[in-house]
Amino acid sequence: MEDNERLVPYSVNLTKGMYEALKKAAERRQASRMVRDAITMILEGHSEFDSGYNKGLRDAVEIVDNDKIASSISYEGQKIADIINDQLTCLIK
């Protein structure tokens, strides 16, 4: 998730079964991210494969952003993290 993106709460009505499954995922601290990923997949209108591919790329960008070494090393005035993330972002469909 980009730094300038602020999370905004949104309420959704769920069946009891969906609620219980989501509650179980929340115990593993995965519920919010899981719901956001599903909504992103729907809004992007891609196939399941493309959505998974894009999610993998976004996860890779987040890992590079959080890497202290990649963020502290520069080449020709540009951080290695930014160079890698620019290349990864270009692959998102």
Protein backbone atom coordinates (compact mmCIF):
# COMPACT_ATOMS: atom_id res chain seq x y z
CA MET A 1 0.00 0.00 0.00
CA GLU A 2 1.35 3.42 -0.91
CA ASP A 3 2.21 5.87 1.85
CA ASN A 4 -0.30 8.44 0.62
CA GLU A 5 -3.21 5.98 0.72
CA ARG A 6 -5.26 6.27 3.88
CA LEU A 7 -7.51 3.40 4.89
CA VAL A 8 -11.17 4.35 5.20
CA PRO A 9 -13.58 2.11 7.15
CA TYR A 10 -16.46 0.55 5.23
CA SER A 11 -19.27 -1.65 6.53
CA VAL A 12 -20.43 -4.82 4.73
CA ASN A 13 -23.29 -7.20 5.56
CA LEU A 14 -22.20 -10.85 5.61
CA THR A 15 -23.91 -14.18 6.03
CA LYS A 16 -23.27 -15.87 9.37
CA GLY A 17 -20.95 -18.39 7.70
CA MET A 18 -18.94 -15.66 6.00
CA TYR A 19 -18.77 -13.72 9.26
CA GLU A 20 -17.47 -16.77 11.17
CA ALA A 21 -14.83 -17.50 8.51
CA LEU A 22 -13.71 -13.88 8.51
CA LYS A 23 -13.63 -13.82 12.30
CA LYS A 24 -11.37 -16.89 12.23
CA ALA A 25 -9.05 -15.17 9.73
CA ALA A 26 -8.99 -12.12 12.02
CA GLU A 27 -7.44 -14.26 14.75
CA ARG A 28 -4.46 -14.68 12.41
CA ARG A 29 -4.56 -10.94 11.62
CA GLN A 30 -5.44 -11.60 7.97
CA ALA A 31 -9.08 -10.54 7.68
CA SER A 32 -8.74 -6.90 6.61
CA ARG A 33 -6.04 -7.62 4.07
CA MET A 34 -7.99 -10.59 2.70
CA VAL A 35 -11.11 -8.46 2.19
CA ARG A 36 -9.09 -5.62 0.61
CA ASP A 37 -7.42 -8.09 -1.77
CA ALA A 38 -10.78 -9.56 -2.81
CA ILE A 39 -12.26 -6.10 -3.42
CA THR A 40 -9.18 -5.07 -5.41
CA MET A 41 -9.52 -8.19 -7.56
CA ILE A 42 -13.18 -7.40 -8.29
CA LEU A 43 -12.57 -3.72 -9.01
CA GLU A 44 -9.63 -4.42 -11.32
CA GLY A 45 -11.81 -6.84 -13.30
CA HIS A 46 -8.96 -9.26 -13.98
CA SER A 47 -8.93 -13.04 -13.99
CA GLU A 48 -7.96 -14.86 -10.81
CA PHE A 49 -4.51 -15.51 -12.29
CA ASP A 50 -3.92 -11.85 -13.17
CA SER A 51 -5.21 -10.73 -9.78
CA GLY A 52 -2.86 -13.13 -8.01
CA TYR A 53 0.02 -12.04 -10.23
CA ASN A 54 -0.66 -8.37 -9.48
CA LYS A 55 -0.98 -9.08 -5.76
CA GLY A 56 2.38 -10.86 -5.82
CA LEU A 57 3.96 -7.85 -7.50
CA ARG A 58 2.37 -5.43 -5.01
CA ASP A 59 3.62 -7.62 -2.14
CA ALA A 60 7.12 -7.58 -3.66
CA VAL A 61 7.01 -3.77 -3.91
CA GLU A 62 6.01 -3.59 -0.23
CA ILE A 63 8.88 -5.90 0.77
CA VAL A 64 11.40 -3.82 -1.17
CA ASP A 65 9.96 -0.61 0.35
CA ASN A 66 10.46 -2.04 3.85
CA ASP A 67 14.00 -3.31 3.19
CA LYS A 68 16.47 -1.06 5.01
CA ILE A 69 19.41 -2.00 2.81
CA ALA A 70 17.61 -1.46 -0.51
CA SER A 71 16.31 1.86 0.80
CA SER A 72 19.74 3.04 1.96
CA ILE A 73 21.84 2.16 -1.11
CA SER A 74 21.77 4.49 -4.10
CA TYR A 75 23.02 4.29 -7.67
CA GLU A 76 23.48 7.51 -9.64
CA GLY A 77 21.39 9.39 -7.06
CA GLN A 78 18.45 6.99 -7.06
CA LYS A 79 17.67 4.51 -4.28
CA ILE A 80 17.96 0.85 -5.29
CA ALA A 81 14.51 0.28 -3.73
CA ASP A 82 12.98 2.90 -6.06
CA ILE A 83 14.71 1.44 -9.12
CA ILE A 84 13.45 -2.08 -8.35
CA ASN A 85 9.94 -0.88 -7.47
CA ASP A 86 9.67 1.10 -10.71
CA GLN A 87 10.47 -2.08 -12.65
CA LEU A 88 8.04 -4.20 -10.61
CA THR A 89 5.26 -1.63 -10.90
CA CYS A 90 5.58 -1.65 -14.71
CA LEU A 91 4.66 -5.37 -14.66
CA ILE A 92 1.32 -4.83 -12.90
CA LYS A 93 -1.49 -5.43 -15.41
